[in-house]
Amino acid sequence: MTKVIGFGLIGTAITVITYSILGFPKMEVALWPLFPVILFIFFSIENLMKKDYKSCLTSALIGLMIANAIYDLLPIPTETLIVAGILVGLGLGFLLPNHDNEKERH
Protein backbone atom coordinates (compact mmCIF):
# COMPACT_ATOMS: atom_id res chain seq x y z
CA MET A 1 0.00 0.00 0.00
CA THR A 2 2.85 2.40 0.74
CA LYS A 3 4.25 1.83 -2.75
CA VAL A 4 0.94 2.90 -4.28
CA ILE A 5 0.93 6.06 -2.17
CA GLY A 6 4.56 6.74 -3.10
CA PHE A 7 3.90 6.33 -6.82
CA GLY A 8 0.77 8.47 -6.50
CA LEU A 9 2.71 11.30 -4.86
CA ILE A 10 5.46 11.13 -7.48
CA GLY A 11 2.83 11.18 -10.26
CA THR A 12 1.16 14.17 -8.65
CA ALA A 13 4.47 16.01 -8.47
CA ILE A 14 5.13 15.33 -12.15
CA THR A 15 1.64 16.56 -13.02
CA VAL A 16 2.10 19.77 -11.02
CA ILE A 17 5.44 20.48 -12.72
CA THR A 18 3.98 19.73 -16.16
CA TYR A 19 1.02 22.05 -15.57
CA SER A 20 3.30 24.85 -14.41
CA ILE A 21 5.66 24.48 -17.39
CA LEU A 22 2.94 24.29 -20.03
CA GLY A 23 0.97 27.15 -18.50
CA PHE A 24 -2.41 25.49 -18.18
CA PRO A 25 -5.18 27.69 -16.84
CA LYS A 26 -5.08 28.41 -13.16
CA MET A 27 -7.64 26.69 -11.01
CA GLU A 28 -9.88 28.92 -8.93
CA VAL A 29 -10.27 26.27 -6.22
CA ALA A 30 -8.42 26.21 -2.91
CA LEU A 31 -6.34 23.04 -2.95
CA TRP A 32 -5.05 22.96 0.65
CA PRO A 33 -8.42 22.01 2.16
CA LEU A 34 -8.49 19.02 -0.17
CA PHE A 35 -5.65 17.30 1.71
CA PRO A 36 -7.66 16.48 4.87
CA VAL A 37 -10.61 15.47 2.69
CA ILE A 38 -8.39 13.08 0.72
CA LEU A 39 -6.91 11.80 3.97
CA PHE A 40 -10.36 11.02 5.39
CA ILE A 41 -11.36 9.34 2.12
CA PHE A 42 -8.23 7.17 2.41
CA PHE A 43 -9.14 6.25 6.00
CA SER A 44 -12.67 5.48 4.90
CA ILE A 45 -11.51 3.13 2.14
CA GLU A 46 -9.01 1.50 4.50
CA ASN A 47 -11.73 0.86 7.12
CA LEU A 48 -14.08 -0.41 4.42
CA MET A 49 -11.46 -2.97 3.38
CA LYS A 50 -11.19 -4.06 7.03
CA LYS A 51 -15.02 -4.35 7.11
CA ASP A 52 -15.23 -1.82 9.93
CA TYR A 53 -18.31 -0.05 8.63
CA LYS A 54 -18.84 2.32 11.56
CA SER A 55 -15.32 3.77 11.29
CA CYS A 56 -15.68 3.91 7.51
CA LEU A 57 -18.87 5.93 7.84
CA THR A 58 -17.33 8.24 10.43
CA SER A 59 -14.30 8.98 8.26
CA ALA A 60 -16.42 9.52 5.15
CA LEU A 61 -18.77 11.88 6.98
CA ILE A 62 -15.94 13.94 8.44
CA GLY A 63 -14.42 14.30 4.97
CA LEU A 64 -17.81 15.24 3.53
CA MET A 65 -18.36 17.81 6.29
CA ILE A 66 -15.01 19.46 5.58
CA ALA A 67 -15.64 19.48 1.82
CA ASN A 68 -19.18 20.81 2.28
CA ALA A 69 -18.04 23.58 4.64
CA ILE A 70 -15.39 24.80 2.21
CA TYR A 71 -16.78 24.06 -1.27
CA ASP A 72 -20.57 24.07 -0.60
CA LEU A 73 -21.09 20.72 -2.31
CA LEU A 74 -24.55 20.02 -0.92
CA PRO A 75 -27.45 22.44 -0.57
CA ILE A 76 -27.73 21.62 3.14
CA PRO A 77 -25.81 23.18 6.04
CA THR A 78 -22.95 21.36 7.75
CA GLU A 79 -24.93 21.17 11.00
CA THR A 80 -27.52 19.01 9.26
CA LEU A 81 -24.75 16.70 8.06
CA ILE A 82 -23.45 16.39 11.60
CA VAL A 83 -26.88 15.45 12.96
CA ALA A 84 -27.47 13.00 10.10
CA GLY A 85 -24.02 11.47 10.67
CA ILE A 86 -24.70 10.95 14.36
CA LEU A 87 -28.06 9.34 13.62
CA VAL A 88 -26.64 7.03 10.94
CA GLY A 89 -23.72 6.12 13.20
CA LEU A 90 -26.09 5.22 16.04
CA GLY A 91 -28.26 3.24 13.63
CA LEU A 92 -25.28 1.27 12.36
CA GLY A 93 -24.18 0.70 15.94
CA PHE A 94 -27.47 -1.04 16.64
CA LEU A 95 -27.53 -2.97 13.37
CA LEU A 96 -23.93 -4.15 13.12
CA PRO A 97 -22.31 -6.10 15.94
CA ASN A 98 -19.06 -4.96 17.50
CA HIS A 99 -16.41 -7.62 16.78
CA ASP A 100 -14.33 -6.78 19.87
CA ASN A 101 -17.22 -7.43 22.25
CA GLU A 102 -18.08 -10.74 20.56
CA LYS A 103 -14.51 -12.01 20.94
CA GLU A 104 -14.51 -11.17 24.65
CA ARG A 105 -17.79 -13.01 25.24
CA HIS A 106 -16.56 -16.30 23.78
PDB file of N, CA and C in Angstrom:
ATOM      1  N   MET A   1       0.819  -1.193   0.000  1.00  0.00           N
ATOM      2  CA  MET A   1       0.000   0.000   0.000  1.00  0.00           C
ATOM      3  C   MET A   1       0.862   1.255   0.000  1.00  0.00           C
ATOM      4  N   THR A   2       1.990   1.213   0.700  1.00  0.00           N
ATOM      5  CA  THR A   2       2.848   2.398   0.739  1.00  0.00           C
ATOM      6  C   THR A   2       3.478   2.674  -0.625  1.00  0.00           C
ATOM      7  N   LYS A   3       3.699   1.618  -1.413  1.00  0.00           N
ATOM      8  CA  LYS A   3       4.250   1.834  -2.751  1.00  0.00           C
ATOM      9  C   LYS A   3       3.249   2.561  -3.637  1.00  0.00           C
ATOM     10  N   VAL A   4       1.973   2.227  -3.486  1.00  0.00           N
ATOM     11  CA  VAL A   4       0.939   2.897  -4.277  1.00  0.00           C
ATOM     12  C   VAL A   4       0.876   4.374  -3.911  1.00  0.00           C
ATOM     13  N   ILE A   5       0.941   4.667  -2.611  1.00  0.00           N
ATOM     14  CA  ILE A   5       0.928   6.062  -2.174  1.00  0.00           C
ATOM     15  C   ILE A   5       2.166   6.788  -2.686  1.00  0.00           C
ATOM     16  N   GLY A   6       3.318   6.131  -2.611  1.00  0.00           N
ATOM     17  CA  GLY A   6       4.558   6.741  -3.100  1.00  0.00           C
ATOM     18  C   GLY A   6       4.493   7.061  -4.580  1.00  0.00           C
ATOM     19  N   PHE A   7       4.019   6.092  -5.380  1.00  0.00           N
ATOM     20  CA  PHE A   7       3.898   6.334  -6.818  1.00  0.00           C
ATOM     21  C   PHE A   7       2.855   7.407  -7.111  1.00  0.00           C
ATOM     22  N   GLY A   8       1.784   7.444  -6.322  1.00  0.00           N
ATOM     23  CA  GLY A   8       0.765   8.474  -6.504  1.00  0.00           C
ATOM     24  C   GLY A   8       1.308   9.864  -6.240  1.00  0.00           C
ATOM     25  N   LEU A   9       2.120  10.002  -5.168  1.00  0.00           N
ATOM     26  CA  LEU A   9       2.708  11.305  -4.856  1.00  0.00           C
ATOM     27  C   LEU A   9       3.715  11.740  -5.915  1.00  0.00           C
ATOM     28  N   ILE A  10       4.505  10.799  -6.418  1.00  0.00           N
ATOM     29  CA  ILE A  10       5.460  11.128  -7.485  1.00  0.00           C
ATOM     30  C   ILE A  10       4.713  11.545  -8.755  1.00  0.00           C
ATOM     31  N   GLY A  11       3.644  10.826  -9.090  1.00  0.00           N
ATOM     32  CA  GLY A  11       2.835  11.184 -10.262  1.00  0.00           C
ATOM     33  C   GLY A  11       2.190  12.544 -10.113  1.00  0.00           C
ATOM     34  N   THR A  12       1.745  12.852  -8.909  1.00  0.00           N
ATOM     35  CA  THR A  12       1.156  14.166  -8.648  1.00  0.00           C
ATOM     36  C   THR A  12       2.196  15.269  -8.806  1.00  0.00           C
ATOM     37  N   ALA A  13       3.406  15.024  -8.316  1.00  0.00           N
ATOM     38  CA  ALA A  13       4.475  16.014  -8.468  1.00  0.00           C
ATOM     39  C   ALA A  13       4.803  16.254  -9.938  1.00  0.00           C
ATOM     40  N   ILE A  14       4.856  15.191 -10.713  1.00  0.00           N
ATOM     41  CA  ILE A  14       5.134  15.331 -12.150  1.00  0.00           C
ATOM     42  C   ILE A  14       4.012  16.113 -12.834  1.00  0.00           C
ATOM     43  N   THR A  15       2.772  15.849 -12.442  1.00  0.00           N
ATOM     44  CA  THR A  15       1.636  16.561 -13.021  1.00  0.00           C
ATOM     45  C   THR A  15       1.686  18.043 -12.681  1.00  0.00           C
ATOM     46  N   VAL A  16       2.015  18.368 -11.437  1.00  0.00           N
ATOM     47  CA  VAL A  16       2.099  19.774 -11.025  1.00  0.00           C
ATOM     48  C   VAL A  16       3.191  20.495 -11.810  1.00  0.00           C
ATOM     49  N   ILE A  17       4.341  19.858 -11.961  1.00  0.00           N
ATOM     50  CA  ILE A  17       5.437  20.480 -12.717  1.00  0.00           C
ATOM     51  C   ILE A  17       5.049  20.653 -14.181  1.00  0.00           C
ATOM     52  N   THR A  18       4.397  19.641 -14.755  1.00  0.00           N
ATOM     53  CA  THR A  18       3.980  19.731 -16.157  1.00  0.00           C
ATOM     54  C   THR A  18       2.973  20.857 -16.350  1.00  0.00           C
ATOM     55  N   TYR A  19       2.001  20.972 -15.457  1.00  0.00           N
ATOM     56  CA  TYR A  19       1.019  22.050 -15.573  1.00  0.00           C
ATOM     57  C   TYR A  19       1.678  23.424 -15.454  1.00  0.00           C
ATOM     58  N   SER A  20       2.663  23.549 -14.577  1.00  0.00           N
ATOM     59  CA  SER A  20       3.300  24.852 -14.411  1.00  0.00           C
ATOM     60  C   SER A  20       4.178  25.202 -15.608  1.00  0.00           C
ATOM     61  N   ILE A  21       4.811  24.216 -16.225  1.00  0.00           N
ATOM     62  CA  ILE A  21       5.665  24.480 -17.389  1.00  0.00           C
ATOM     63  C   ILE A  21       4.819  24.839 -18.606  1.00  0.00           C
ATOM     64  N   LEU A  22       3.747  24.079 -18.833  1.00  0.00           N
ATOM     65  CA  LEU A  22       2.935  24.292 -20.030  1.00  0.00           C
ATOM     66  C   LEU A  22       1.970  25.456 -19.889  1.00  0.00           C
ATOM     67  N   GLY A  23       1.804  25.973 -18.698  1.00  0.00           N
ATOM     68  CA  GLY A  23       0.973  27.147 -18.499  1.00  0.00           C
ATOM     69  C   GLY A  23      -0.513  26.887 -18.651  1.00  0.00           C
ATOM     70  N   PHE A  24      -0.969  25.771 -18.148  1.00  0.00           N
ATOM     71  CA  PHE A  24      -2.406  25.494 -18.180  1.00  0.00           C
ATOM     72  C   PHE A  24      -3.149  26.524 -17.341  1.00  0.00           C
ATOM     73  N   PRO A  25      -4.428  26.674 -17.589  1.00  0.00           N
ATOM     74  CA  PRO A  25      -5.181  27.689 -16.838  1.00  0.00           C
ATOM     75  C   PRO A  25      -5.142  27.434 -15.335  1.00  0.00           C
ATOM     76  N   LYS A  26      -5.128  28.516 -14.612  1.00  0.00           N
ATOM     77  CA  LYS A  26      -5.085  28.410 -13.161  1.00  0.00           C
ATOM     78  C   LYS A  26      -6.449  27.973 -12.642  1.00  0.00           C
ATOM     79  N   MET A  27      -6.399  27.153 -11.611  1.00  0.00           N
ATOM     80  CA  MET A  27      -7.640  26.690 -11.006  1.00  0.00           C
ATOM     81  C   MET A  27      -8.064  27.684  -9.940  1.00  0.00           C
ATOM     82  N   GLU A  28      -9.340  27.958  -9.891  1.00  0.00           N
ATOM     83  CA  GLU A  28      -9.876  28.918  -8.932  1.00  0.00           C
ATOM     84  C   GLU A  28     -10.388  28.215  -7.668  1.00  0.00           C
ATOM     85  N   VAL A  29      -9.829  27.066  -7.367  1.00  0.00           N
ATOM     86  CA  VAL A  29     -10.265  26.266  -6.225  1.00  0.00           C
ATOM     87  C   VAL A  29      -9.121  26.198  -5.223  1.00  0.00           C
ATOM     88  N   ALA A  30      -9.436  26.352  -3.952  1.00  0.00           N
ATOM     89  CA  ALA A  30      -8.417  26.212  -2.912  1.00  0.00           C
ATOM     90  C   ALA A  30      -8.049  24.737  -2.780  1.00  0.00           C
ATOM     91  N   LEU A  31      -6.780  24.437  -2.954  1.00  0.00           N
ATOM     92  CA  LEU A  31      -6.341  23.040  -2.947  1.00  0.00           C
ATOM     93  C   LEU A  31      -5.953  22.544  -1.558  1.00  0.00           C
ATOM     94  N   TRP A  32      -5.510  23.419  -0.667  1.00  0.00           N
ATOM     95  CA  TRP A  32      -5.050  22.959   0.648  1.00  0.00           C
ATOM     96  C   TRP A  32      -6.143  22.275   1.452  1.00  0.00           C
ATOM     97  N   PRO A  33      -7.382  22.733   1.414  1.00  0.00           N
ATOM     98  CA  PRO A  33      -8.416  22.009   2.163  1.00  0.00           C
ATOM     99  C   PRO A  33      -8.714  20.622   1.604  1.00  0.00           C
ATOM    100  N   LEU A  34      -8.265  20.348   0.383  1.00  0.00           N
ATOM    101  CA  LEU A  34      -8.493  19.019  -0.173  1.00  0.00           C
ATOM    102  C   LEU A  34      -7.647  17.948   0.502  1.00  0.00           C
ATOM    103  N   PHE A  35      -6.517  18.308   1.093  1.00  0.00           N
ATOM    104  CA  PHE A  35      -5.650  17.302   1.714  1.00  0.00           C
ATOM    105  C   PHE A  35      -6.324  16.575   2.875  1.00  0.00           C
ATOM    106  N   PRO A  36      -6.967  17.260   3.831  1.00  0.00           N
ATOM    107  CA  PRO A  36      -7.658  16.480   4.867  1.00  0.00           C
ATOM    108  C   PRO A  36      -8.836  15.690   4.316  1.00  0.00           C
ATOM    109  N   VAL A  37      -9.501  16.220   3.286  1.00  0.00           N
ATOM    110  CA  VAL A  37     -10.608  15.473   2.687  1.00  0.00           C
ATOM    111  C   VAL A  37     -10.087  14.183   2.063  1.00  0.00           C
ATOM    112  N   ILE A  38      -8.990  14.267   1.334  1.00  0.00           N
ATOM    113  CA  ILE A  38      -8.389  13.077   0.722  1.00  0.00           C
ATOM    114  C   ILE A  38      -7.909  12.117   1.798  1.00  0.00           C
ATOM    115  N   LEU A  39      -7.361  12.641   2.870  1.00  0.00           N
ATOM    116  CA  LEU A  39      -6.907  11.796   3.969  1.00  0.00           C
ATOM    117  C   LEU A  39      -8.075  11.034   4.594  1.00  0.00           C
ATOM    118  N   PHE A  40      -9.199  11.709   4.817  1.00  0.00           N
ATOM    119  CA  PHE A  40     -10.360  11.024   5.386  1.00  0.00           C
ATOM    120  C   PHE A  40     -10.967  10.027   4.409  1.00  0.00           C
ATOM    121  N   ILE A  41     -10.899  10.308   3.114  1.00  0.00           N
ATOM    122  CA  ILE A  41     -11.356   9.341   2.116  1.00  0.00           C
ATOM    123  C   ILE A  41     -10.470   8.100   2.152  1.00  0.00           C
ATOM    124  N   PHE A  42      -9.155   8.295   2.298  1.00  0.00           N
ATOM    125  CA  PHE A  42      -8.225   7.175   2.409  1.00  0.00           C
ATOM    126  C   PHE A  42      -8.542   6.328   3.644  1.00  0.00           C
ATOM    127  N   PHE A  43      -8.786   6.991   4.787  1.00  0.00           N
ATOM    128  CA  PHE A  43      -9.138   6.252   6.003  1.00  0.00           C
ATOM    129  C   PHE A  43     -10.456   5.508   5.825  1.00  0.00           C
ATOM    130  N   SER A  44     -11.387   6.114   5.126  1.00  0.00           N
ATOM    131  CA  SER A  44     -12.673   5.479   4.897  1.00  0.00           C
ATOM    132  C   SER A  44     -12.519   4.212   4.047  1.00  0.00           C
ATOM    133  N   ILE A  45     -11.740   4.298   2.993  1.00  0.00           N
ATOM    134  CA  ILE A  45     -11.506   3.129   2.144  1.00  0.00           C
ATOM    135  C   ILE A  45     -10.746   2.053   2.908  1.00  0.00           C
ATOM    136  N   GLU A  46      -9.777   2.453   3.707  1.00  0.00           N
ATOM    137  CA  GLU A  46      -9.012   1.495   4.502  1.00  0.00           C
ATOM    138  C   GLU A  46      -9.919   0.765   5.499  1.00  0.00           C
ATOM    139  N   ASN A  47     -10.806   1.488   6.170  1.00  0.00           N
ATOM    140  CA  ASN A  47     -11.728   0.858   7.115  1.00  0.00           C
ATOM    141  C   ASN A  47     -12.768   0.007   6.402  1.00  0.00           C
ATOM    142  N   LEU A  48     -13.139   0.390   5.195  1.00  0.00           N
ATOM    143  CA  LEU A  48     -14.075  -0.415   4.417  1.00  0.00           C
ATOM    144  C   LEU A  48     -13.446  -1.754   4.035  1.00  0.00           C
ATOM    145  N   MET A  49     -12.159  -1.731   3.709  1.00  0.00           N
ATOM    146  CA  MET A  49     -11.464  -2.971   3.377  1.00  0.00           C
ATOM    147  C   MET A  49     -11.314  -3.878   4.597  1.00  0.00           C
ATOM    148  N   LYS A  50     -11.252  -3.283   5.789  1.00  0.00           N
ATOM    149  CA  LYS A  50     -11.187  -4.059   7.028  1.00  0.00           C
ATOM    150  C   LYS A  50     -12.576  -4.499   7.498  1.00  0.00           C
ATOM    151  N   LYS A  51     -13.612  -4.084   6.777  1.00  0.00           N
ATOM    152  CA  LYS A  51     -15.016  -4.351   7.106  1.00  0.00           C
ATOM    153  C   LYS A  51     -15.421  -3.742   8.444  1.00  0.00           C
ATOM    154  N   ASP A  52     -14.841  -2.588   8.753  1.00  0.00           N
ATOM    155  CA  ASP A  52     -15.230  -1.819   9.930  1.00  0.00           C
ATOM    156  C   ASP A  52     -16.103  -0.672   9.435  1.00  0.00           C
ATOM    157  N   TYR A  53     -17.403  -0.962   9.303  1.00  0.00           N
ATOM    158  CA  TYR A  53     -18.308  -0.045   8.634  1.00  0.00           C
ATOM    159  C   TYR A  53     -18.583   1.219   9.437  1.00  0.00           C
ATOM    160  N   LYS A  54     -18.576   1.127  10.745  1.00  0.00           N
ATOM    161  CA  LYS A  54     -18.838   2.322  11.559  1.00  0.00           C
ATOM    162  C   LYS A  54     -17.697   3.331  11.424  1.00  0.00           C
ATOM    163  N   SER A  55     -16.459   2.859  11.464  1.00  0.00           N
ATOM    164  CA  SER A  55     -15.319   3.771  11.285  1.00  0.00           C
ATOM    165  C   SER A  55     -15.260   4.305   9.866  1.00  0.00           C
ATOM    166  N   CYS A  56     -15.644   3.479   8.907  1.00  0.00           N
ATOM    167  CA  CYS A  56     -15.685   3.910   7.507  1.00  0.00           C
ATOM    168  C   CYS A  56     -16.680   5.048   7.339  1.00  0.00           C
ATOM    169  N   LEU A  57     -17.845   4.892   7.926  1.00  0.00           N
ATOM    170  CA  LEU A  57     -18.868   5.926   7.838  1.00  0.00           C
ATOM    171  C   LEU A  57     -18.411   7.204   8.531  1.00  0.00           C
ATOM    172  N   THR A  58     -17.798   7.065   9.691  1.00  0.00           N
ATOM    173  CA  THR A  58     -17.329   8.235  10.429  1.00  0.00           C
ATOM    174  C   THR A  58     -16.295   9.014   9.624  1.00  0.00           C
ATOM    175  N   SER A  59     -15.329   8.313   9.056  1.00  0.00           N
ATOM    176  CA  SER A  59     -14.299   8.982   8.259  1.00  0.00           C
ATOM    177  C   SER A  59     -14.893   9.641   7.025  1.00  0.00           C
ATOM    178  N   ALA A  60     -15.806   8.955   6.357  1.00  0.00           N
ATOM    179  CA  ALA A  60     -16.424   9.522   5.153  1.00  0.00           C
ATOM    180  C   ALA A  60     -17.246  10.767   5.493  1.00  0.00           C
ATOM    181  N   LEU A  61     -17.967  10.723   6.609  1.00  0.00           N
ATOM    182  CA  LEU A  61     -18.775  11.878   6.980  1.00  0.00           C
ATOM    183  C   LEU A  61     -17.922  13.076   7.391  1.00  0.00           C
ATOM    184  N   ILE A  62     -16.823  12.832   8.072  1.00  0.00           N
ATOM    185  CA  ILE A  62     -15.944  13.943   8.439  1.00  0.00           C
ATOM    186  C   ILE A  62     -15.361  14.586   7.185  1.00  0.00           C
ATOM    187  N   GLY A  63     -14.923  13.761   6.234  1.00  0.00           N
ATOM    188  CA  GLY A  63     -14.421  14.298   4.968  1.00  0.00           C
ATOM    189  C   GLY A  63     -15.482  15.066   4.212  1.00  0.00           C
ATOM    190  N   LEU A  64     -16.718  14.552   4.207  1.00  0.00           N
ATOM    191  CA  LEU A  64     -17.812  15.242   3.532  1.00  0.00           C
ATOM    192  C   LEU A  64     -18.147  16.558   4.225  1.00  0.00           C
ATOM    193  N   MET A  65     -18.084  16.574   5.555  1.00  0.00           N
ATOM    194  CA  MET A  65     -18.361  17.812   6.287  1.00  0.00           C
ATOM    195  C   MET A  65     -17.321  18.886   5.974  1.00  0.00           C
ATOM    196  N   ILE A  66     -16.056  18.495   5.913  1.00  0.00           N
ATOM    197  CA  ILE A  66     -15.007  19.458   5.579  1.00  0.00           C
ATOM    198  C   ILE A  66     -15.208  19.984   4.160  1.00  0.00           C
ATOM    199  N   ALA A  67     -15.457  19.066   3.218  1.00  0.00           N
ATOM    200  CA  ALA A  67     -15.644  19.481   1.825  1.00  0.00           C
ATOM    201  C   ALA A  67     -16.884  20.351   1.672  1.00  0.00           C
ATOM    202  N   ASN A  68     -17.958  20.018   2.386  1.00  0.00           N
ATOM    203  CA  ASN A  68     -19.179  20.812   2.279  1.00  0.00           C
ATOM    204  C   ASN A  68     -19.000  22.196   2.910  1.00  0.00           C
ATOM    205  N   ALA A  69     -18.247  22.281   3.992  1.00  0.00           N
ATOM    206  CA  ALA A  69     -18.039  23.578   4.641  1.00  0.00           C
ATOM    207  C   ALA A  69     -17.207  24.519   3.761  1.00  0.00           C
ATOM    208  N   ILE A  70     -16.287  23.960   3.004  1.00  0.00           N
ATOM    209  CA  ILE A  70     -15.388  24.803   2.207  1.00  0.00           C
ATOM    210  C   ILE A  70     -15.925  25.032   0.793  1.00  0.00           C
ATOM    211  N   TYR A  71     -16.393  23.965   0.148  1.00  0.00           N
ATOM    212  CA  TYR A  71     -16.775  24.057  -1.266  1.00  0.00           C
ATOM    213  C   TYR A  71     -18.280  24.128  -1.499  1.00  0.00           C
ATOM    214  N   ASP A  72     -19.105  24.043  -0.468  1.00  0.00           N
ATOM    215  CA  ASP A  72     -20.570  24.066  -0.601  1.00  0.00           C
ATOM    216  C   ASP A  72     -21.057  23.040  -1.618  1.00  0.00           C
ATOM    217  N   LEU A  73     -20.714  21.784  -1.383  1.00  0.00           N
ATOM    218  CA  LEU A  73     -21.088  20.717  -2.308  1.00  0.00           C
ATOM    219  C   LEU A  73     -22.576  20.402  -2.268  1.00  0.00           C
ATOM    220  N   LEU A  74     -23.139  20.375  -1.091  1.00  0.00           N
ATOM    221  CA  LEU A  74     -24.548  20.017  -0.920  1.00  0.00           C
ATOM    222  C   LEU A  74     -25.353  21.254  -0.540  1.00  0.00           C
ATOM    223  N   PRO A  75     -26.631  21.268  -0.907  1.00  0.00           N
ATOM    224  CA  PRO A  75     -27.450  22.443  -0.571  1.00  0.00           C
ATOM    225  C   PRO A  75     -27.970  22.427   0.868  1.00  0.00           C
ATOM    226  N   ILE A  76     -27.321  21.674   1.743  1.00  0.00           N
ATOM    227  CA  ILE A  76     -27.729  21.619   3.142  1.00  0.00           C
ATOM    228  C   ILE A  76     -26.581  22.123   4.004  1.00  0.00           C
ATOM    229  N   PRO A  77     -26.892  22.684   5.175  1.00  0.00           N
ATOM    230  CA  PRO A  77     -25.810  23.179   6.037  1.00  0.00           C
ATOM    231  C   PRO A  77     -25.026  22.041   6.680  1.00  0.00           C
ATOM    232  N   THR A  78     -23.831  22.357   7.135  1.00  0.00           N
ATOM    233  CA  THR A  78     -22.954  21.360   7.749  1.00  0.00           C
ATOM    234  C   THR A  78     -23.559  20.820   9.041  1.00  0.00           C
ATOM    235  N   GLU A  79     -24.303  21.637   9.760  1.00  0.00           N
ATOM    236  CA  GLU A  79     -24.928  21.173  10.999  1.00  0.00           C
ATOM    237  C   GLU A  79     -25.900  20.026  10.739  1.00  0.00           C
ATOM    238  N   THR A  80     -26.604  20.085   9.620  1.00  0.00           N
ATOM    239  CA  THR A  80     -27.519  19.009   9.259  1.00  0.00           C
ATOM    240  C   THR A  80     -26.742  17.729   8.957  1.00  0.00           C
ATOM    241  N   LEU A  81     -25.598  17.869   8.312  1.00  0.00           N
ATOM    242  CA  LEU A  81     -24.748  16.702   8.060  1.00  0.00           C
ATOM    243  C   LEU A  81     -24.258  16.083   9.359  1.00  0.00           C
ATOM    244  N   ILE A  82     -23.922  16.911  10.317  1.00  0.00           N
ATOM    245  CA  ILE A  82     -23.448  16.395  11.602  1.00  0.00           C
ATOM    246  C   ILE A  82     -24.549  15.593  12.289  1.00  0.00           C
ATOM    247  N   VAL A  83     -25.759  16.144  12.323  1.00  0.00           N
ATOM    248  CA  VAL A  83     -26.878  15.445  12.963  1.00  0.00           C
ATOM    249  C   VAL A  83     -27.189  14.150  12.211  1.00  0.00           C
ATOM    250  N   ALA A  84     -27.202  14.202  10.881  1.00  0.00           N
ATOM    251  CA  ALA A  84     -27.467  12.997  10.095  1.00  0.00           C
ATOM    252  C   ALA A  84     -26.367  11.952  10.315  1.00  0.00           C
ATOM    253  N   GLY A  85     -25.128  12.396  10.418  1.00  0.00           N
ATOM    254  CA  GLY A  85     -24.024  11.467  10.669  1.00  0.00           C
ATOM    255  C   GLY A  85     -24.136  10.788  12.016  1.00  0.00           C
ATOM    256  N   ILE A  86     -24.531  11.542  13.025  1.00  0.00           N
ATOM    257  CA  ILE A  86     -24.699  10.953  14.359  1.00  0.00           C
ATOM    258  C   ILE A  86     -25.822   9.927  14.336  1.00  0.00           C
ATOM    259  N   LEU A  87     -26.934  10.262  13.679  1.00  0.00           N
ATOM    260  CA  LEU A  87     -28.062   9.335  13.621  1.00  0.00           C
ATOM    261  C   LEU A  87     -27.728   8.060  12.837  1.00  0.00           C
ATOM    262  N   VAL A  88     -27.028   8.217  11.720  1.00  0.00           N
ATOM    263  CA  VAL A  88     -26.639   7.034  10.941  1.00  0.00           C
ATOM    264  C   VAL A  88     -25.625   6.205  11.711  1.00  0.00           C
ATOM    265  N   GLY A  89     -24.700   6.849  12.392  1.00  0.00           N
ATOM    266  CA  GLY A  89     -23.721   6.116  13.200  1.00  0.00           C
ATOM    267  C   GLY A  89     -24.384   5.325  14.317  1.00  0.00           C
ATOM    268  N   LEU A  90     -25.351   5.935  14.995  1.00  0.00           N
ATOM    269  CA  LEU A  90     -26.089   5.218  16.038  1.00  0.00           C
ATOM    270  C   LEU A  90     -26.900   4.067  15.445  1.00  0.00           C
ATOM    271  N   GLY A  91     -27.497   4.308  14.290  1.00  0.00           N
ATOM    272  CA  GLY A  91     -28.259   3.242  13.634  1.00  0.00           C
ATOM    273  C   GLY A  91     -27.381   2.061  13.248  1.00  0.00           C
ATOM    274  N   LEU A  92     -26.210   2.352  12.699  1.00  0.00           N
ATOM    275  CA  LEU A  92     -25.280   1.273  12.355  1.00  0.00           C
ATOM    276  C   LEU A  92     -24.769   0.566  13.606  1.00  0.00           C
ATOM    277  N   GLY A  93     -24.619   1.312  14.690  1.00  0.00           N
ATOM    278  CA  GLY A  93     -24.182   0.696  15.942  1.00  0.00           C
ATOM    279  C   GLY A  93     -25.174  -0.334  16.445  1.00  0.00           C
ATOM    280  N   PHE A  94     -26.455  -0.074  16.221  1.00  0.00           N
ATOM    281  CA  PHE A  94     -27.466  -1.043  16.635  1.00  0.00           C
ATOM    282  C   PHE A  94     -27.592  -2.197  15.650  1.00  0.00           C
ATOM    283  N   LEU A  95     -27.357  -1.932  14.375  1.00  0.00           N
ATOM    284  CA  LEU A  95     -27.531  -2.974  13.366  1.00  0.00           C
ATOM    285  C   LEU A  95     -26.329  -3.905  13.236  1.00  0.00           C
ATOM    286  N   LEU A  96     -25.145  -3.356  13.325  1.00  0.00           N
ATOM    287  CA  LEU A  96     -23.931  -4.154  13.123  1.00  0.00           C
ATOM    288  C   LEU A  96     -23.295  -4.488  14.461  1.00  0.00           C
ATOM    289  N   PRO A  97     -22.935  -5.739  14.666  1.00  0.00           N
ATOM    290  CA  PRO A  97     -22.314  -6.105  15.944  1.00  0.00           C
ATOM    291  C   PRO A  97     -20.888  -5.581  16.035  1.00  0.00           C
ATOM    292  N   ASN A  98     -20.429  -5.387  17.254  1.00  0.00           N
ATOM    293  CA  ASN A  98     -19.059  -4.962  17.503  1.00  0.00           C
ATOM    294  C   ASN A  98     -18.205  -6.223  17.650  1.00  0.00           C
ATOM    295  N   HIS A  99     -17.215  -6.393  16.792  1.00  0.00           N
ATOM    296  CA  HIS A  99     -16.413  -7.615  16.783  1.00  0.00           C
ATOM    297  C   HIS A  99     -15.580  -7.772  18.047  1.00  0.00           C
ATOM    298  N   ASP A 100     -15.149  -6.685  18.663  1.00  0.00           N
ATOM    299  CA  ASP A 100     -14.334  -6.777  19.874  1.00  0.00           C
ATOM    300  C   ASP A 100     -15.141  -7.358  21.036  1.00  0.00           C
ATOM    301  N   ASN A 101     -16.382  -6.927  21.167  1.00  0.00           N
ATOM    302  CA  ASN A 101     -17.220  -7.425  22.250  1.00  0.00           C
ATOM    303  C   ASN A 101     -17.582  -8.891  22.069  1.00  0.00           C
ATOM    304  N   GLU A 102     -17.758  -9.341  20.809  1.00  0.00           N
ATOM    305  CA  GLU A 102     -18.079 -10.736  20.555  1.00  0.00           C
ATOM    306  C   GLU A 102     -16.908 -11.642  20.891  1.00  0.00           C
ATOM    307  N   LYS A 103     -15.686 -11.199  20.630  1.00  0.00           N
ATOM    308  CA  LYS A 103     -14.510 -12.011  20.940  1.00  0.00           C
ATOM    309  C   LYS A 103     -14.327 -12.163  22.450  1.00  0.00           C
ATOM    310  N   GLU A 104     -14.650 -11.097  23.209  1.00  0.00           N
ATOM    311  CA  GLU A 104     -14.506 -11.171  24.651  1.00  0.00           C
ATOM    312  C   GLU A 104     -15.554 -12.087  25.277  1.00  0.00           C
ATOM    313  N   ARG A 105     -16.725 -12.181  24.690  1.00  0.00           N
ATOM    314  CA  ARG A 105     -17.787 -13.008  25.245  1.00  0.00           C
ATOM    315  C   ARG A 105     -17.478 -14.492  25.100  1.00  0.00           C
ATOM    316  N   HIS A 106     -16.806 -14.875  24.027  1.00  0.00           N
ATOM    317  CA  HIS A 106     -16.565 -16.298  23.775  1.00  0.00           C
ATOM    318  C   HIS A 106     -15.320 -16.759  24.425  1.00  0.00           C
TER     319      HIS A 106
END
